[in-house]
N, C-alpha and C. Protein backbone atom coordinates (compact mmCIF):
# COMPACT_ATOMS: atom_id res chain seq x y z
N MET A 1 0.85 -1.17 0.00
CA MET A 1 0.00 0.00 0.00
C MET A 1 0.90 1.23 0.00
N ARG A 2 0.55 2.18 -0.82
CA ARG A 2 1.31 3.43 -0.92
C ARG A 2 0.73 4.45 0.07
N THR A 3 1.60 5.02 0.90
CA THR A 3 1.16 6.00 1.89
C THR A 3 1.85 7.33 1.61
N THR A 4 1.06 8.41 1.55
CA THR A 4 1.57 9.74 1.31
C THR A 4 1.23 10.62 2.51
N ILE A 5 2.23 11.32 3.02
CA ILE A 5 2.03 12.21 4.17
C ILE A 5 2.38 13.62 3.74
N THR A 6 1.45 14.55 3.96
CA THR A 6 1.68 15.95 3.63
C THR A 6 1.30 16.83 4.81
N ALA A 7 1.74 18.08 4.76
CA ALA A 7 1.43 19.02 5.83
C ALA A 7 1.11 20.37 5.23
N ARG A 8 0.17 21.06 5.87
CA ARG A 8 -0.18 22.42 5.47
C ARG A 8 -0.04 23.32 6.70
N GLN A 9 0.80 24.31 6.59
CA GLN A 9 0.99 25.32 7.63
C GLN A 9 1.48 24.74 8.96
N ILE A 10 2.17 23.62 8.90
CA ILE A 10 2.67 23.00 10.12
C ILE A 10 3.89 22.15 9.77
N ALA A 11 4.84 22.09 10.68
CA ALA A 11 6.01 21.23 10.48
C ALA A 11 5.76 19.89 11.18
N ILE A 12 6.10 18.80 10.49
CA ILE A 12 5.86 17.47 11.04
C ILE A 12 7.20 16.82 11.38
N PRO A 13 7.39 16.42 12.63
CA PRO A 13 8.63 15.73 12.99
C PRO A 13 8.67 14.33 12.37
N ARG A 14 9.86 13.81 12.20
CA ARG A 14 10.03 12.49 11.59
C ARG A 14 9.32 11.40 12.41
N ALA A 15 9.34 11.52 13.74
CA ALA A 15 8.69 10.54 14.60
C ALA A 15 7.18 10.48 14.34
N LEU A 16 6.57 11.65 14.09
CA LEU A 16 5.14 11.68 13.80
C LEU A 16 4.84 11.06 12.45
N LYS A 17 5.71 11.27 11.47
CA LYS A 17 5.53 10.64 10.16
C LYS A 17 5.59 9.12 10.28
N THR A 18 6.54 8.63 11.06
CA THR A 18 6.67 7.20 11.27
C THR A 18 5.43 6.64 11.97
N ARG A 19 4.97 7.35 12.99
CA ARG A 19 3.77 6.91 13.72
C ARG A 19 2.55 6.93 12.81
N ALA A 20 2.41 7.95 11.98
CA ALA A 20 1.27 8.04 11.07
C ALA A 20 1.25 6.86 10.11
N THR A 21 2.41 6.51 9.57
CA THR A 21 2.49 5.36 8.66
C THR A 21 2.10 4.08 9.38
N LEU A 22 2.59 3.91 10.60
CA LEU A 22 2.28 2.72 11.38
C LEU A 22 0.79 2.62 11.70
N VAL A 23 0.20 3.72 12.15
CA VAL A 23 -1.22 3.73 12.52
C VAL A 23 -2.09 3.42 11.31
N VAL A 24 -1.82 4.06 10.19
CA VAL A 24 -2.64 3.84 9.00
C VAL A 24 -2.47 2.42 8.46
N THR A 25 -1.27 1.88 8.53
CA THR A 25 -1.04 0.51 8.09
C THR A 25 -1.86 -0.47 8.94
N ARG A 26 -1.92 -0.23 10.24
CA ARG A 26 -2.71 -1.09 11.12
C ARG A 26 -4.20 -1.00 10.81
N VAL A 27 -4.69 0.21 10.63
CA VAL A 27 -6.12 0.40 10.36
C VAL A 27 -6.47 -0.16 8.98
N ALA A 28 -5.56 -0.04 8.04
CA ALA A 28 -5.83 -0.49 6.67
C ALA A 28 -6.02 -2.00 6.57
N ARG A 29 -5.56 -2.74 7.57
CA ARG A 29 -5.78 -4.19 7.56
C ARG A 29 -7.25 -4.55 7.59
N LEU A 30 -8.08 -3.64 8.08
CA LEU A 30 -9.52 -3.90 8.14
C LEU A 30 -10.19 -3.70 6.78
N ALA A 31 -9.54 -2.99 5.88
CA ALA A 31 -10.12 -2.69 4.57
C ALA A 31 -9.92 -3.87 3.63
N VAL A 32 -10.77 -3.93 2.62
CA VAL A 32 -10.65 -4.95 1.60
C VAL A 32 -9.66 -4.47 0.55
N ARG A 33 -8.51 -5.06 0.49
CA ARG A 33 -7.44 -4.75 -0.46
C ARG A 33 -7.17 -3.24 -0.57
N PRO A 34 -6.61 -2.63 0.47
CA PRO A 34 -6.30 -1.20 0.40
C PRO A 34 -5.21 -0.93 -0.64
N THR A 35 -5.37 0.14 -1.38
CA THR A 35 -4.40 0.47 -2.42
C THR A 35 -3.53 1.66 -2.05
N SER A 36 -4.11 2.68 -1.42
CA SER A 36 -3.31 3.85 -1.05
C SER A 36 -3.95 4.58 0.13
N ALA A 37 -3.11 5.34 0.82
CA ALA A 37 -3.57 6.16 1.94
C ALA A 37 -2.89 7.52 1.84
N ARG A 38 -3.66 8.56 2.13
CA ARG A 38 -3.12 9.91 2.13
C ARG A 38 -3.43 10.54 3.49
N ILE A 39 -2.39 10.99 4.17
CA ILE A 39 -2.54 11.62 5.48
C ILE A 39 -2.11 13.07 5.34
N THR A 40 -2.98 13.98 5.73
CA THR A 40 -2.69 15.40 5.63
C THR A 40 -2.82 16.04 7.00
N PHE A 41 -1.74 16.64 7.47
CA PHE A 41 -1.76 17.36 8.73
C PHE A 41 -1.93 18.84 8.42
N GLY A 42 -2.68 19.53 9.28
CA GLY A 42 -2.90 20.95 9.07
C GLY A 42 -3.09 21.68 10.38
N GLN A 43 -3.27 22.97 10.27
CA GLN A 43 -3.47 23.83 11.43
C GLN A 43 -4.65 24.74 11.16
N GLU A 44 -5.63 24.72 12.05
CA GLU A 44 -6.78 25.62 11.95
C GLU A 44 -6.87 26.40 13.25
N GLY A 45 -6.42 27.61 13.22
CA GLY A 45 -6.38 28.42 14.45
C GLY A 45 -5.39 27.81 15.42
N GLN A 46 -5.87 27.45 16.60
CA GLN A 46 -5.01 26.83 17.61
C GLN A 46 -5.10 25.31 17.61
N ARG A 47 -5.88 24.75 16.68
CA ARG A 47 -6.08 23.29 16.67
C ARG A 47 -5.36 22.65 15.50
N ALA A 48 -4.77 21.52 15.76
CA ALA A 48 -4.13 20.72 14.72
C ALA A 48 -5.17 19.77 14.14
N THR A 49 -5.09 19.51 12.85
CA THR A 49 -6.02 18.59 12.21
C THR A 49 -5.23 17.49 11.50
N ALA A 50 -5.90 16.35 11.34
CA ALA A 50 -5.34 15.24 10.59
C ALA A 50 -6.46 14.65 9.74
N ASP A 51 -6.22 14.56 8.44
CA ASP A 51 -7.19 13.97 7.51
C ASP A 51 -6.57 12.69 6.96
N ILE A 52 -7.36 11.63 6.94
CA ILE A 52 -6.90 10.36 6.38
C ILE A 52 -7.87 9.96 5.28
N VAL A 53 -7.33 9.69 4.10
CA VAL A 53 -8.13 9.20 2.97
C VAL A 53 -7.55 7.85 2.60
N LEU A 54 -8.36 6.81 2.75
CA LEU A 54 -7.92 5.45 2.45
C LEU A 54 -8.70 4.95 1.25
N ARG A 55 -7.99 4.56 0.22
CA ARG A 55 -8.61 4.03 -0.99
C ARG A 55 -8.42 2.53 -1.01
N ALA A 56 -9.50 1.82 -1.35
CA ALA A 56 -9.47 0.36 -1.37
C ALA A 56 -9.98 -0.14 -2.72
N ALA A 57 -10.02 -1.44 -2.83
CA ALA A 57 -10.43 -2.07 -4.09
C ALA A 57 -11.86 -1.70 -4.45
N ARG A 58 -12.15 -1.78 -5.73
CA ARG A 58 -13.47 -1.50 -6.28
C ARG A 58 -13.95 -0.08 -6.01
N GLY A 59 -13.03 0.85 -5.90
CA GLY A 59 -13.39 2.25 -5.78
C GLY A 59 -13.84 2.70 -4.41
N ALA A 60 -13.69 1.88 -3.39
CA ALA A 60 -14.11 2.27 -2.04
C ALA A 60 -13.16 3.33 -1.49
N VAL A 61 -13.73 4.42 -0.99
CA VAL A 61 -12.93 5.50 -0.41
C VAL A 61 -13.46 5.77 0.99
N HIS A 62 -12.57 5.77 1.96
CA HIS A 62 -12.93 6.04 3.35
C HIS A 62 -12.19 7.29 3.79
N VAL A 63 -12.92 8.25 4.35
CA VAL A 63 -12.34 9.54 4.74
C VAL A 63 -12.63 9.79 6.21
N ALA A 64 -11.60 10.23 6.95
CA ALA A 64 -11.78 10.57 8.36
C ALA A 64 -10.97 11.81 8.68
N ARG A 65 -11.49 12.60 9.62
CA ARG A 65 -10.83 13.85 10.02
C ARG A 65 -10.84 13.93 11.54
N GLY A 66 -9.71 14.30 12.09
CA GLY A 66 -9.60 14.48 13.53
C GLY A 66 -8.99 15.83 13.84
N ALA A 67 -9.44 16.44 14.93
CA ALA A 67 -8.90 17.73 15.37
C ALA A 67 -8.59 17.65 16.86
N ALA A 68 -7.48 18.27 17.24
CA ALA A 68 -7.05 18.24 18.64
C ALA A 68 -6.02 19.35 18.85
N PRO A 69 -5.62 19.59 20.08
CA PRO A 69 -4.60 20.60 20.33
C PRO A 69 -3.23 20.26 19.73
N ASP A 70 -2.93 18.96 19.58
CA ASP A 70 -1.63 18.58 19.00
C ASP A 70 -1.85 17.58 17.86
N PRO A 71 -0.89 17.50 16.91
CA PRO A 71 -1.07 16.65 15.73
C PRO A 71 -1.18 15.16 16.04
N ARG A 72 -0.48 14.68 17.05
CA ARG A 72 -0.54 13.25 17.36
C ARG A 72 -1.93 12.84 17.82
N THR A 73 -2.55 13.63 18.67
CA THR A 73 -3.90 13.33 19.12
C THR A 73 -4.89 13.45 17.97
N ALA A 74 -4.68 14.42 17.09
CA ALA A 74 -5.55 14.56 15.91
C ALA A 74 -5.44 13.32 15.03
N LEU A 75 -4.24 12.80 14.86
CA LEU A 75 -4.04 11.57 14.09
C LEU A 75 -4.78 10.41 14.74
N ASP A 76 -4.67 10.26 16.05
CA ASP A 76 -5.34 9.17 16.75
C ASP A 76 -6.86 9.27 16.63
N ARG A 77 -7.39 10.48 16.70
CA ARG A 77 -8.85 10.66 16.57
C ARG A 77 -9.32 10.33 15.15
N ALA A 78 -8.55 10.74 14.16
CA ALA A 78 -8.91 10.42 12.77
C ALA A 78 -8.83 8.91 12.53
N ALA A 79 -7.82 8.27 13.09
CA ALA A 79 -7.67 6.82 12.94
C ALA A 79 -8.83 6.08 13.60
N ALA A 80 -9.28 6.57 14.75
CA ALA A 80 -10.42 5.94 15.43
C ALA A 80 -11.69 6.06 14.58
N LYS A 81 -11.90 7.22 13.97
CA LYS A 81 -13.07 7.39 13.09
C LYS A 81 -12.98 6.48 11.89
N LEU A 82 -11.79 6.37 11.31
CA LEU A 82 -11.60 5.51 10.15
C LEU A 82 -11.83 4.05 10.53
N ARG A 83 -11.37 3.64 11.69
CA ARG A 83 -11.58 2.27 12.15
C ARG A 83 -13.07 1.96 12.31
N ARG A 84 -13.84 2.91 12.86
CA ARG A 84 -15.29 2.71 12.99
C ARG A 84 -15.95 2.57 11.62
N GLN A 85 -15.52 3.40 10.66
CA GLN A 85 -16.07 3.30 9.31
C GLN A 85 -15.78 1.94 8.70
N LEU A 86 -14.56 1.46 8.85
CA LEU A 86 -14.18 0.18 8.27
C LEU A 86 -14.90 -0.97 8.97
N ASP A 87 -15.10 -0.87 10.28
CA ASP A 87 -15.85 -1.91 10.99
C ASP A 87 -17.28 -2.00 10.45
N LYS A 88 -17.90 -0.85 10.23
CA LYS A 88 -19.26 -0.84 9.68
C LYS A 88 -19.29 -1.38 8.27
N HIS A 89 -18.27 -1.03 7.48
CA HIS A 89 -18.22 -1.47 6.09
C HIS A 89 -18.04 -2.99 6.00
N VAL A 90 -17.23 -3.54 6.87
CA VAL A 90 -16.98 -4.99 6.86
C VAL A 90 -18.21 -5.74 7.35
N GLU A 91 -18.90 -5.20 8.36
CA GLU A 91 -20.05 -5.87 8.94
C GLU A 91 -21.32 -5.71 8.11
N ALA A 92 -21.32 -4.80 7.16
CA ALA A 92 -22.52 -4.57 6.34
C ALA A 92 -22.85 -5.83 5.55
N PRO A 93 -24.12 -6.21 5.53
CA PRO A 93 -24.49 -7.40 4.76
C PRO A 93 -24.33 -7.16 3.28
N ARG A 94 -23.88 -8.16 2.61
CA ARG A 94 -23.69 -8.07 1.17
C ARG A 94 -24.77 -8.91 0.51
N HIS A 95 -25.62 -8.24 -0.22
CA HIS A 95 -26.71 -8.92 -0.90
C HIS A 95 -26.27 -9.23 -2.32
N ARG A 96 -26.22 -10.50 -2.61
CA ARG A 96 -25.85 -10.92 -3.95
C ARG A 96 -26.90 -11.89 -4.46
N ALA A 97 -27.19 -11.75 -5.70
CA ALA A 97 -28.14 -12.68 -6.31
C ALA A 97 -27.44 -14.01 -6.50
N ARG A 98 -28.08 -15.05 -6.05
CA ARG A 98 -27.52 -16.40 -6.23
C ARG A 98 -28.18 -17.06 -7.42
N LYS A 99 -27.35 -17.67 -8.20
CA LYS A 99 -27.88 -18.35 -9.37
C LYS A 99 -28.39 -19.72 -8.96
N ALA A 100 -29.55 -20.07 -9.47
CA ALA A 100 -30.12 -21.38 -9.19
C ALA A 100 -29.34 -22.43 -9.99
N VAL A 101 -29.01 -23.47 -9.31
CA VAL A 101 -28.27 -24.55 -9.96
C VAL A 101 -29.27 -25.64 -10.32
N ALA A 102 -29.37 -25.95 -11.61
CA ALA A 102 -30.27 -26.99 -12.08
C ALA A 102 -29.57 -28.33 -11.96
N ARG A 103 -30.26 -29.28 -11.34
CA ARG A 103 -29.68 -30.63 -11.20
C ARG A 103 -30.55 -31.64 -11.84
C-alpha cells in the first residue's frame, strides 16, 4: 500500500511521520485490499487537524478527520473514526443474487 504524508501550515517531525504510517497501516488491515492512503496534517487556528483518505479495491474511499490541540492526538482521533467506518463497512451485509443450480 502506498502511503503519502503531507502538511499544510505546520512542520511534522520524523517521529510523527513514522507513527502516522504505522497507525494507517494497522487500520488499513480492516479494509478490503487497500491500495493507497493519504494523510494530511494541518493547522486551523489553535487546533491541529489530521485527515486520512484510504482508498481500497473496487473504488471504495474512506475519509476521516480528527482535530485536537496537537497533531498526534488529531491523528489518533482520525484513525479511530476511520476504524469505525471500516468496521461498519466490513459488517454490512452483502446482498448478492444467487444463481439457481439446475440438477
